[in-house]
Amino acid sequence: MPKLDAAQTLAILGTPLRWQLMQMIAASGPQSANELATALKLNFNNVSKHLRILRDAGLLEIAPGEDRRFVLYSVPEVFKRAAGELDFGFCVFRLAGAK
């Protein structure tokens, strides 16, 4: 498991939009910035900026999408503990709506 800085991770996830993006990606699997922006009815550039912050912190990973112009964001498998839970090593998060 990658070593995450607890204070930095909590500060990053403390932003409501970033937490919402993490929950959406964890629940629905890999998604593009455009798909997420459309679902949230937000500006693409704003969503993309927050996804980049999550990726740079090591909380998300990217993979090429079908169309080379787009990348898909996903939660690394190493953080998936059980259905509806993300384990970052220093704490476990239960996602909204998870049973």
PDB file of N, CA and C in Angstrom:
ATOM      1  N   MET A   1       0.855  -1.172   0.000  1.00  0.00           N
ATOM      2  CA  MET A   1       0.000   0.000   0.000  1.00  0.00           C
ATOM      3  C   MET A   1       0.901   1.236   0.000  1.00  0.00           C
ATOM      4  N   PRO A   2       0.604   2.198  -0.886  1.00  0.00           N
ATOM      5  CA  PRO A   2       1.402   3.423  -0.896  1.00  0.00           C
ATOM      6  C   PRO A   2       1.246   4.177   0.420  1.00  0.00           C
ATOM      7  N   LYS A   3       2.324   4.788   0.868  1.00  0.00           N
ATOM      8  CA  LYS A   3       2.282   5.556   2.116  1.00  0.00           C
ATOM      9  C   LYS A   3       1.738   6.943   1.816  1.00  0.00           C
ATOM     10  N   LEU A   4       0.604   7.260   2.422  1.00  0.00           N
ATOM     11  CA  LEU A   4      -0.016   8.569   2.257  1.00  0.00           C
ATOM     12  C   LEU A   4       0.229   9.407   3.495  1.00  0.00           C
ATOM     13  N   ASP A   5       0.356  10.697   3.306  1.00  0.00           N
ATOM     14  CA  ASP A   5       0.452  11.623   4.429  1.00  0.00           C
ATOM     15  C   ASP A   5      -0.959  11.852   4.954  1.00  0.00           C
ATOM     16  N   ALA A   6      -1.193  11.490   6.219  1.00  0.00           N
ATOM     17  CA  ALA A   6      -2.541  11.552   6.795  1.00  0.00           C
ATOM     18  C   ALA A   6      -3.110  12.961   6.776  1.00  0.00           C
ATOM     19  N   ALA A   7      -2.341  13.940   7.208  1.00  0.00           N
ATOM     20  CA  ALA A   7      -2.844  15.320   7.262  1.00  0.00           C
ATOM     21  C   ALA A   7      -3.168  15.844   5.869  1.00  0.00           C
ATOM     22  N   GLN A   8      -2.287  15.576   4.915  1.00  0.00           N
ATOM     23  CA  GLN A   8      -2.518  16.038   3.541  1.00  0.00           C
ATOM     24  C   GLN A   8      -3.746  15.353   2.945  1.00  0.00           C
ATOM     25  N   THR A   9      -3.869  14.050   3.152  1.00  0.00           N
ATOM     26  CA  THR A   9      -5.006  13.299   2.611  1.00  0.00           C
ATOM     27  C   THR A   9      -6.321  13.807   3.188  1.00  0.00           C
ATOM     28  N   LEU A  10      -6.362  14.013   4.487  1.00  0.00           N
ATOM     29  CA  LEU A  10      -7.591  14.504   5.112  1.00  0.00           C
ATOM     30  C   LEU A  10      -7.925  15.922   4.652  1.00  0.00           C
ATOM     31  N   ALA A  11      -6.907  16.759   4.468  1.00  0.00           N
ATOM     32  CA  ALA A  11      -7.146  18.119   3.971  1.00  0.00           C
ATOM     33  C   ALA A  11      -7.700  18.079   2.548  1.00  0.00           C
ATOM     34  N   ILE A  12      -7.153  17.209   1.730  1.00  0.00           N
ATOM     35  CA  ILE A  12      -7.615  17.095   0.343  1.00  0.00           C
ATOM     36  C   ILE A  12      -9.050  16.573   0.297  1.00  0.00           C
ATOM     37  N   LEU A  13      -9.343  15.556   1.085  1.00  0.00           N
ATOM     38  CA  LEU A  13     -10.693  14.984   1.091  1.00  0.00           C
ATOM     39  C   LEU A  13     -11.693  15.845   1.851  1.00  0.00           C
ATOM     40  N   GLY A  14     -11.200  16.845   2.562  1.00  0.00           N
ATOM     41  CA  GLY A  14     -12.075  17.752   3.293  1.00  0.00           C
ATOM     42  C   GLY A  14     -12.829  18.729   2.413  1.00  0.00           C
ATOM     43  N   THR A  15     -12.453  18.803   1.159  1.00  0.00           N
ATOM     44  CA  THR A  15     -13.169  19.648   0.203  1.00  0.00           C
ATOM     45  C   THR A  15     -14.388  18.869  -0.281  1.00  0.00           C
ATOM     46  N   PRO A  16     -15.592  19.406  -0.102  1.00  0.00           N
ATOM     47  CA  PRO A  16     -16.800  18.655  -0.456  1.00  0.00           C
ATOM     48  C   PRO A  16     -16.800  18.100  -1.886  1.00  0.00           C
ATOM     49  N   LEU A  17     -16.337  18.868  -2.857  1.00  0.00           N
ATOM     50  CA  LEU A  17     -16.346  18.380  -4.239  1.00  0.00           C
ATOM     51  C   LEU A  17     -15.390  17.205  -4.407  1.00  0.00           C
ATOM     52  N   ARG A  18     -14.223  17.271  -3.799  1.00  0.00           N
ATOM     53  CA  ARG A  18     -13.261  16.166  -3.932  1.00  0.00           C
ATOM     54  C   ARG A  18     -13.799  14.899  -3.281  1.00  0.00           C
ATOM     55  N   TRP A  19     -14.440  15.045  -2.115  1.00  0.00           N
ATOM     56  CA  TRP A  19     -15.021  13.882  -1.452  1.00  0.00           C
ATOM     57  C   TRP A  19     -16.137  13.292  -2.314  1.00  0.00           C
ATOM     58  N   GLN A  20     -16.945  14.158  -2.918  1.00  0.00           N
ATOM     59  CA  GLN A  20     -18.025  13.694  -3.793  1.00  0.00           C
ATOM     60  C   GLN A  20     -17.452  12.963  -5.004  1.00  0.00           C
ATOM     61  N   LEU A  21     -16.390  13.484  -5.588  1.00  0.00           N
ATOM     62  CA  LEU A  21     -15.756  12.824  -6.732  1.00  0.00           C
ATOM     63  C   LEU A  21     -15.223  11.451  -6.329  1.00  0.00           C
ATOM     64  N   MET A  22     -14.566  11.354  -5.169  1.00  0.00           N
ATOM     65  CA  MET A  22     -14.050  10.062  -4.697  1.00  0.00           C
ATOM     66  C   MET A  22     -15.190   9.062  -4.532  1.00  0.00           C
ATOM     67  N   GLN A  23     -16.295   9.495  -3.938  1.00  0.00           N
ATOM     68  CA  GLN A  23     -17.427   8.594  -3.732  1.00  0.00           C
ATOM     69  C   GLN A  23     -18.007   8.127  -5.068  1.00  0.00           C
ATOM     70  N   MET A  24     -18.136   9.038  -6.015  1.00  0.00           N
ATOM     71  CA  MET A  24     -18.709   8.676  -7.315  1.00  0.00           C
ATOM     72  C   MET A  24     -17.821   7.678  -8.048  1.00  0.00           C
ATOM     73  N   ILE A  25     -16.523   7.918  -8.032  1.00  0.00           N
ATOM     74  CA  ILE A  25     -15.603   7.027  -8.741  1.00  0.00           C
ATOM     75  C   ILE A  25     -15.520   5.674  -8.044  1.00  0.00           C
ATOM     76  N   ALA A  26     -15.477   5.673  -6.716  1.00  0.00           N
ATOM     77  CA  ALA A  26     -15.418   4.409  -5.970  1.00  0.00           C
ATOM     78  C   ALA A  26     -16.679   3.577  -6.200  1.00  0.00           C
ATOM     79  N   ALA A  27     -17.835   4.237  -6.292  1.00  0.00           N
ATOM     80  CA  ALA A  27     -19.105   3.527  -6.449  1.00  0.00           C
ATOM     81  C   ALA A  27     -19.344   3.049  -7.879  1.00  0.00           C
ATOM     82  N   SER A  28     -18.920   3.842  -8.848  1.00  0.00           N
ATOM     83  CA  SER A  28     -19.275   3.554 -10.243  1.00  0.00           C
ATOM     84  C   SER A  28     -18.121   3.075 -11.108  1.00  0.00           C
ATOM     85  N   GLY A  29     -16.925   3.069 -10.570  1.00  0.00           N
ATOM     86  CA  GLY A  29     -15.772   2.643 -11.359  1.00  0.00           C
ATOM     87  C   GLY A  29     -15.185   3.786 -12.172  1.00  0.00           C
ATOM     88  N   PRO A  30     -14.230   3.457 -13.049  1.00  0.00           N
ATOM     89  CA  PRO A  30     -13.503   4.480 -13.796  1.00  0.00           C
ATOM     90  C   PRO A  30     -14.435   5.406 -14.586  1.00  0.00           C
ATOM     91  N   GLN A  31     -14.136   6.711 -14.495  1.00  0.00           N
ATOM     92  CA  GLN A  31     -14.918   7.719 -15.208  1.00  0.00           C
ATOM     93  C   GLN A  31     -13.997   8.823 -15.686  1.00  0.00           C
ATOM     94  N   SER A  32     -14.406   9.483 -16.740  1.00  0.00           N
ATOM     95  CA  SER A  32     -13.644  10.613 -17.262  1.00  0.00           C
ATOM     96  C   SER A  32     -14.073  11.895 -16.558  1.00  0.00           C
ATOM     97  N   ALA A  33     -13.248  12.915 -16.660  1.00  0.00           N
ATOM     98  CA  ALA A  33     -13.581  14.219 -16.082  1.00  0.00           C
ATOM     99  C   ALA A  33     -14.860  14.755 -16.711  1.00  0.00           C
ATOM    100  N   ASN A  34     -15.033  14.530 -17.992  1.00  0.00           N
ATOM    101  CA  ASN A  34     -16.230  15.010 -18.684  1.00  0.00           C
ATOM    102  C   ASN A  34     -17.486  14.325 -18.147  1.00  0.00           C
ATOM    103  N   GLU A  35     -17.431  13.015 -17.936  1.00  0.00           N
ATOM    104  CA  GLU A  35     -18.585  12.285 -17.383  1.00  0.00           C
ATOM    105  C   GLU A  35     -18.940  12.797 -15.993  1.00  0.00           C
ATOM    106  N   LEU A  36     -17.917  13.029 -15.177  1.00  0.00           N
ATOM    107  CA  LEU A  36     -18.154  13.504 -13.822  1.00  0.00           C
ATOM    108  C   LEU A  36     -18.705  14.927 -13.822  1.00  0.00           C
ATOM    109  N   ALA A  37     -18.152  15.785 -14.662  1.00  0.00           N
ATOM    110  CA  ALA A  37     -18.626  17.175 -14.743  1.00  0.00           C
ATOM    111  C   ALA A  37     -20.077  17.215 -15.201  1.00  0.00           C
ATOM    112  N   THR A  38     -20.414  16.379 -16.172  1.00  0.00           N
ATOM    113  CA  THR A  38     -21.784  16.321 -16.676  1.00  0.00           C
ATOM    114  C   THR A  38     -22.739  15.836 -15.585  1.00  0.00           C
ATOM    115  N   ALA A  39     -22.355  14.774 -14.882  1.00  0.00           N
ATOM    116  CA  ALA A  39     -23.211  14.225 -13.826  1.00  0.00           C
ATOM    117  C   ALA A  39     -23.437  15.232 -12.697  1.00  0.00           C
ATOM    118  N   LEU A  40     -22.422  16.024 -12.402  1.00  0.00           N
ATOM    119  CA  LEU A  40     -22.530  17.001 -11.312  1.00  0.00           C
ATOM    120  C   LEU A  40     -23.031  18.367 -11.778  1.00  0.00           C
ATOM    121  N   LYS A  41     -23.187  18.505 -13.092  1.00  0.00           N
ATOM    122  CA  LYS A  41     -23.615  19.784 -13.685  1.00  0.00           C
ATOM    123  C   LYS A  41     -22.664  20.914 -13.274  1.00  0.00           C
ATOM    124  N   LEU A  42     -21.350  20.610 -13.388  1.00  0.00           N
ATOM    125  CA  LEU A  42     -20.316  21.577 -13.049  1.00  0.00           C
ATOM    126  C   LEU A  42     -19.413  21.813 -14.254  1.00  0.00           C
ATOM    127  N   ASN A  43     -18.646  22.874 -14.172  1.00  0.00           N
ATOM    128  CA  ASN A  43     -17.694  23.231 -15.210  1.00  0.00           C
ATOM    129  C   ASN A  43     -16.602  22.160 -15.315  1.00  0.00           C
ATOM    130  N   PHE A  44     -16.290  21.745 -16.537  1.00  0.00           N
ATOM    131  CA  PHE A  44     -15.274  20.720 -16.774  1.00  0.00           C
ATOM    132  C   PHE A  44     -13.934  21.106 -16.154  1.00  0.00           C
ATOM    133  N   ASN A  45     -13.505  22.346 -16.343  1.00  0.00           N
ATOM    134  CA  ASN A  45     -12.190  22.774 -15.848  1.00  0.00           C
ATOM    135  C   ASN A  45     -12.101  22.684 -14.324  1.00  0.00           C
ATOM    136  N   ASN A  46     -13.171  23.019 -13.640  1.00  0.00           N
ATOM    137  CA  ASN A  46     -13.195  22.932 -12.180  1.00  0.00           C
ATOM    138  C   ASN A  46     -13.071  21.474 -11.722  1.00  0.00           C
ATOM    139  N   VAL A  47     -13.849  20.601 -12.334  1.00  0.00           N
ATOM    140  CA  VAL A  47     -13.801  19.178 -11.979  1.00  0.00           C
ATOM    141  C   VAL A  47     -12.426  18.605 -12.301  1.00  0.00           C
ATOM    142  N   SER A  48     -11.900  18.943 -13.449  1.00  0.00           N
ATOM    143  CA  SER A  48     -10.589  18.444 -13.864  1.00  0.00           C
ATOM    144  C   SER A  48      -9.499  18.871 -12.887  1.00  0.00           C
ATOM    145  N   LYS A  49      -9.563  20.108 -12.403  1.00  0.00           N
ATOM    146  CA  LYS A  49      -8.581  20.610 -11.432  1.00  0.00           C
ATOM    147  C   LYS A  49      -8.613  19.781 -10.152  1.00  0.00           C
ATOM    148  N   HIS A  50      -9.800  19.482  -9.649  1.00  0.00           N
ATOM    149  CA  HIS A  50      -9.919  18.714  -8.416  1.00  0.00           C
ATOM    150  C   HIS A  50      -9.497  17.259  -8.625  1.00  0.00           C
ATOM    151  N   LEU A  51      -9.771  16.700  -9.784  1.00  0.00           N
ATOM    152  CA  LEU A  51      -9.315  15.339 -10.087  1.00  0.00           C
ATOM    153  C   LEU A  51      -7.788  15.283 -10.133  1.00  0.00           C
ATOM    154  N   ARG A  52      -7.172  16.314 -10.692  1.00  0.00           N
ATOM    155  CA  ARG A  52      -5.712  16.371 -10.759  1.00  0.00           C
ATOM    156  C   ARG A  52      -5.125  16.412  -9.338  1.00  0.00           C
ATOM    157  N   ILE A  53      -5.733  17.165  -8.448  1.00  0.00           N
ATOM    158  CA  ILE A  53      -5.261  17.237  -7.056  1.00  0.00           C
ATOM    159  C   ILE A  53      -5.361  15.860  -6.399  1.00  0.00           C
ATOM    160  N   LEU A  54      -6.474  15.172  -6.601  1.00  0.00           N
ATOM    161  CA  LEU A  54      -6.642  13.824  -6.049  1.00  0.00           C
ATOM    162  C   LEU A  54      -5.620  12.852  -6.638  1.00  0.00           C
ATOM    163  N   ARG A  55      -5.374  12.954  -7.928  1.00  0.00           N
ATOM    164  CA  ARG A  55      -4.393  12.084  -8.581  1.00  0.00           C
ATOM    165  C   ARG A  55      -2.986  12.382  -8.076  1.00  0.00           C
ATOM    166  N   ASP A  56      -2.625  13.654  -7.996  1.00  0.00           N
ATOM    167  CA  ASP A  56      -1.282  14.033  -7.548  1.00  0.00           C
ATOM    168  C   ASP A  56      -1.015  13.584  -6.111  1.00  0.00           C
ATOM    169  N   ALA A  57      -2.065  13.496  -5.302  1.00  0.00           N
ATOM    170  CA  ALA A  57      -1.930  13.036  -3.915  1.00  0.00           C
ATOM    171  C   ALA A  57      -1.854  11.514  -3.820  1.00  0.00           C
ATOM    172  N   GLY A  58      -2.089  10.817  -4.925  1.00  0.00           N
ATOM    173  CA  GLY A  58      -2.045   9.360  -4.929  1.00  0.00           C
ATOM    174  C   GLY A  58      -3.360   8.696  -4.597  1.00  0.00           C
ATOM    175  N   LEU A  59      -4.444   9.486  -4.517  1.00  0.00           N
ATOM    176  CA  LEU A  59      -5.750   8.939  -4.164  1.00  0.00           C
ATOM    177  C   LEU A  59      -6.511   8.388  -5.362  1.00  0.00           C
ATOM    178  N   LEU A  60      -6.140   8.825  -6.547  1.00  0.00           N
ATOM    179  CA  LEU A  60      -6.728   8.319  -7.787  1.00  0.00           C
ATOM    180  C   LEU A  60      -5.606   7.941  -8.734  1.00  0.00           C
ATOM    181  N   GLU A  61      -5.924   7.054  -9.670  1.00  0.00           N
ATOM    182  CA  GLU A  61      -4.997   6.739 -10.739  1.00  0.00           C
ATOM    183  C   GLU A  61      -5.707   6.958 -12.064  1.00  0.00           C
ATOM    184  N   ILE A  62      -4.931   7.053 -13.132  1.00  0.00           N
ATOM    185  CA  ILE A  62      -5.525   7.282 -14.440  1.00  0.00           C
ATOM    186  C   ILE A  62      -5.135   6.169 -15.398  1.00  0.00           C
ATOM    187  N   ALA A  63      -5.989   5.960 -16.380  1.00  0.00           N
ATOM    188  CA  ALA A  63      -5.750   4.997 -17.451  1.00  0.00           C
ATOM    189  C   ALA A  63      -6.333   5.596 -18.719  1.00  0.00           C
ATOM    190  N   PRO A  64      -5.743   5.271 -19.865  1.00  0.00           N
ATOM    191  CA  PRO A  64      -6.291   5.808 -21.109  1.00  0.00           C
ATOM    192  C   PRO A  64      -7.697   5.287 -21.357  1.00  0.00           C
ATOM    193  N   GLY A  65      -8.553   6.170 -21.839  1.00  0.00           N
ATOM    194  CA  GLY A  65      -9.911   5.776 -22.197  1.00  0.00           C
ATOM    195  C   GLY A  65      -9.958   5.268 -23.626  1.00  0.00           C
ATOM    196  N   GLU A  66     -11.157   4.956 -24.114  1.00  0.00           N
ATOM    197  CA  GLU A  66     -11.322   4.507 -25.493  1.00  0.00           C
ATOM    198  C   GLU A  66     -10.795   5.543 -26.470  1.00  0.00           C
ATOM    199  N   ASP A  67     -11.133   6.778 -26.211  1.00  0.00           N
ATOM    200  CA  ASP A  67     -10.683   7.892 -27.032  1.00  0.00           C
ATOM    201  C   ASP A  67      -9.410   8.431 -26.383  1.00  0.00           C
ATOM    202  N   ARG A  68      -8.325   8.489 -27.116  1.00  0.00           N
ATOM    203  CA  ARG A  68      -7.036   8.876 -26.542  1.00  0.00           C
ATOM    204  C   ARG A  68      -7.030  10.286 -25.954  1.00  0.00           C
ATOM    205  N   ARG A  69      -8.017  11.083 -26.270  1.00  0.00           N
ATOM    206  CA  ARG A  69      -8.073  12.439 -25.724  1.00  0.00           C
ATOM    207  C   ARG A  69      -8.533  12.442 -24.279  1.00  0.00           C
ATOM    208  N   PHE A  70      -9.104  11.363 -23.816  1.00  0.00           N
ATOM    209  CA  PHE A  70      -9.659  11.302 -22.476  1.00  0.00           C
ATOM    210  C   PHE A  70      -8.930  10.267 -21.630  1.00  0.00           C
ATOM    211  N   VAL A  71      -8.855  10.523 -20.347  1.00  0.00           N
ATOM    212  CA  VAL A  71      -8.329   9.539 -19.410  1.00  0.00           C
ATOM    213  C   VAL A  71      -9.451   9.181 -18.445  1.00  0.00           C
ATOM    214  N   LEU A  72      -9.360   8.004 -17.902  1.00  0.00           N
ATOM    215  CA  LEU A  72     -10.339   7.538 -16.927  1.00  0.00           C
ATOM    216  C   LEU A  72      -9.702   7.540 -15.544  1.00  0.00           C
ATOM    217  N   TYR A  73     -10.399   8.116 -14.595  1.00  0.00           N
ATOM    218  CA  TYR A  73      -9.933   8.177 -13.215  1.00  0.00           C
ATOM    219  C   TYR A  73     -10.546   7.022 -12.438  1.00  0.00           C
ATOM    220  N   SER A  74      -9.732   6.383 -11.604  1.00  0.00           N
ATOM    221  CA  SER A  74     -10.236   5.286 -10.774  1.00  0.00           C
ATOM    222  C   SER A  74      -9.511   5.286  -9.431  1.00  0.00           C
ATOM    223  N   VAL A  75     -10.134   4.629  -8.469  1.00  0.00           N
ATOM    224  CA  VAL A  75      -9.519   4.453  -7.155  1.00  0.00           C
ATOM    225  C   VAL A  75      -8.591   3.244  -7.255  1.00  0.00           C
ATOM    226  N   PRO A  76      -7.341   3.376  -6.857  1.00  0.00           N
ATOM    227  CA  PRO A  76      -6.434   2.220  -6.908  1.00  0.00           C
ATOM    228  C   PRO A  76      -6.992   1.041  -6.108  1.00  0.00           C
ATOM    229  N   GLU A  77      -6.849  -0.139  -6.665  1.00  0.00           N
ATOM    230  CA  GLU A  77      -7.372  -1.356  -6.020  1.00  0.00           C
ATOM    231  C   GLU A  77      -6.842  -1.538  -4.609  1.00  0.00           C
ATOM    232  N   VAL A  78      -5.628  -1.109  -4.357  1.00  0.00           N
ATOM    233  CA  VAL A  78      -5.014  -1.294  -3.043  1.00  0.00           C
ATOM    234  C   VAL A  78      -5.784  -0.568  -1.935  1.00  0.00           C
ATOM    235  N   PHE A  79      -6.566   0.455  -2.295  1.00  0.00           N
ATOM    236  CA  PHE A  79      -7.343   1.203  -1.303  1.00  0.00           C
ATOM    237  C   PHE A  79      -8.739   0.612  -1.077  1.00  0.00           C
ATOM    238  N   LYS A  80      -9.166  -0.292  -1.927  1.00  0.00           N
ATOM    239  CA  LYS A  80     -10.511  -0.866  -1.803  1.00  0.00           C
ATOM    240  C   LYS A  80     -10.459  -2.017  -0.810  1.00  0.00           C
ATOM    241  N   ARG A  81     -11.064  -1.790   0.335  1.00  0.00           N
ATOM    242  CA  ARG A  81     -11.026  -2.779   1.420  1.00  0.00           C
ATOM    243  C   ARG A  81     -12.182  -3.752   1.310  1.00  0.00           C
ATOM    244  N   ALA A  82     -13.373  -3.232   1.223  1.00  0.00           N
ATOM    245  CA  ALA A  82     -14.594  -4.025   1.111  1.00  0.00           C
ATOM    246  C   ALA A  82     -15.598  -3.161   0.368  1.00  0.00           C
ATOM    247  N   ALA A  83     -16.741  -3.722   0.057  1.00  0.00           N
ATOM    248  CA  ALA A  83     -17.766  -2.945  -0.637  1.00  0.00           C
ATOM    249  C   ALA A  83     -18.099  -1.699   0.173  1.00  0.00           C
ATOM    250  N   GLY A  84     -17.922  -0.550  -0.452  1.00  0.00           N
ATOM    251  CA  GLY A  84     -18.270   0.703   0.207  1.00  0.00           C
ATOM    252  C   GLY A  84     -17.253   1.224   1.194  1.00  0.00           C
ATOM    253  N   GLU A  85     -16.034   0.667   1.186  1.00  0.00           N
ATOM    254  CA  GLU A  85     -15.001   1.133   2.108  1.00  0.00           C
ATOM    255  C   GLU A  85     -13.692   1.392   1.375  1.00  0.00           C
ATOM    256  N   LEU A  86     -13.036   2.472   1.767  1.00  0.00           N
ATOM    257  CA  LEU A  86     -11.702   2.800   1.266  1.00  0.00           C
ATOM    258  C   LEU A  86     -10.754   2.829   2.450  1.00  0.00           C
ATOM    259  N   ASP A  87      -9.662   2.075   2.350  1.00  0.00           N
ATOM    260  CA  ASP A  87      -8.669   1.986   3.419  1.00  0.00           C
ATOM    261  C   ASP A  87      -7.393   2.675   2.957  1.00  0.00           C
ATOM    262  N   PHE A  88      -7.082   3.816   3.595  1.00  0.00           N
ATOM    263  CA  PHE A  88      -5.889   4.571   3.224  1.00  0.00           C
ATOM    264  C   PHE A  88      -4.718   4.286   4.154  1.00  0.00           C
ATOM    265  N   GLY A  89      -4.823   3.257   4.971  1.00  0.00           N
ATOM    266  CA  GLY A  89      -3.727   2.871   5.838  1.00  0.00           C
ATOM    267  C   GLY A  89      -3.807   3.497   7.219  1.00  0.00           C
ATOM    268  N   PHE A  90      -4.157   4.741   7.301  1.00  0.00           N
ATOM    269  CA  PHE A  90      -4.270   5.417   8.591  1.00  0.00           C
ATOM    270  C   PHE A  90      -5.718   5.540   9.041  1.00  0.00           C
ATOM    271  N   CYS A  91      -6.664   5.303   8.135  1.00  0.00           N
ATOM    272  CA  CYS A  91      -8.091   5.294   8.478  1.00  0.00           C
ATOM    273  C   CYS A  91      -8.882   4.639   7.356  1.00  0.00           C
ATOM    274  N   VAL A  92     -10.084   4.222   7.698  1.00  0.00           N
ATOM    275  CA  VAL A  92     -10.991   3.605   6.741  1.00  0.00           C
ATOM    276  C   VAL A  92     -12.192   4.530   6.572  1.00  0.00           C
ATOM    277  N   PHE A  93     -12.542   4.809   5.322  1.00  0.00           N
ATOM    278  CA  PHE A  93     -13.699   5.650   5.029  1.00  0.00           C
ATOM    279  C   PHE A  93     -14.836   4.773   4.540  1.00  0.00           C
ATOM    280  N   ARG A  94     -16.020   4.989   5.093  1.00  0.00           N
ATOM    281  CA  ARG A  94     -17.233   4.327   4.612  1.00  0.00           C
ATOM    282  C   ARG A  94     -17.939   5.295   3.696  1.00  0.00           C
ATOM    283  N   LEU A  95     -18.250   4.844   2.512  1.00  0.00           N
ATOM    284  CA  LEU A  95     -18.846   5.724   1.512  1.00  0.00           C
ATOM    285  C   LEU A  95     -20.352   5.841   1.707  1.00  0.00           C
ATOM    286  N   ALA A  96     -20.876   6.990   1.383  1.00  0.00           N
ATOM    287  CA  ALA A  96     -22.324   7.254   1.505  1.00  0.00           C
ATOM    288  C   ALA A  96     -23.094   6.249   0.665  1.00  0.00           C
ATOM    289  N   GLY A  97     -24.161   5.759   1.231  1.00  0.00           N
ATOM    290  CA  GLY A  97     -25.030   4.832   0.514  1.00  0.00           C
ATOM    291  C   GLY A  97     -24.533   3.399   0.504  1.00  0.00           C
ATOM    292  N   ALA A  98     -23.344   3.143   1.057  1.00  0.00           N
ATOM    293  CA  ALA A  98     -22.814   1.783   1.069  1.00  0.00           C
ATOM    294  C   ALA A  98     -23.475   0.994   2.187  1.00  0.00           C
ATOM    295  N   LYS A  99     -23.707  -0.255   1.924  1.00  0.00           N
ATOM    296  CA  LYS A  99     -24.341  -1.137   2.921  1.00  0.00           C
ATOM    297  C   LYS A  99     -23.278  -2.006   3.545  1.00  0.00           C
TER     298      LYS A  99
END
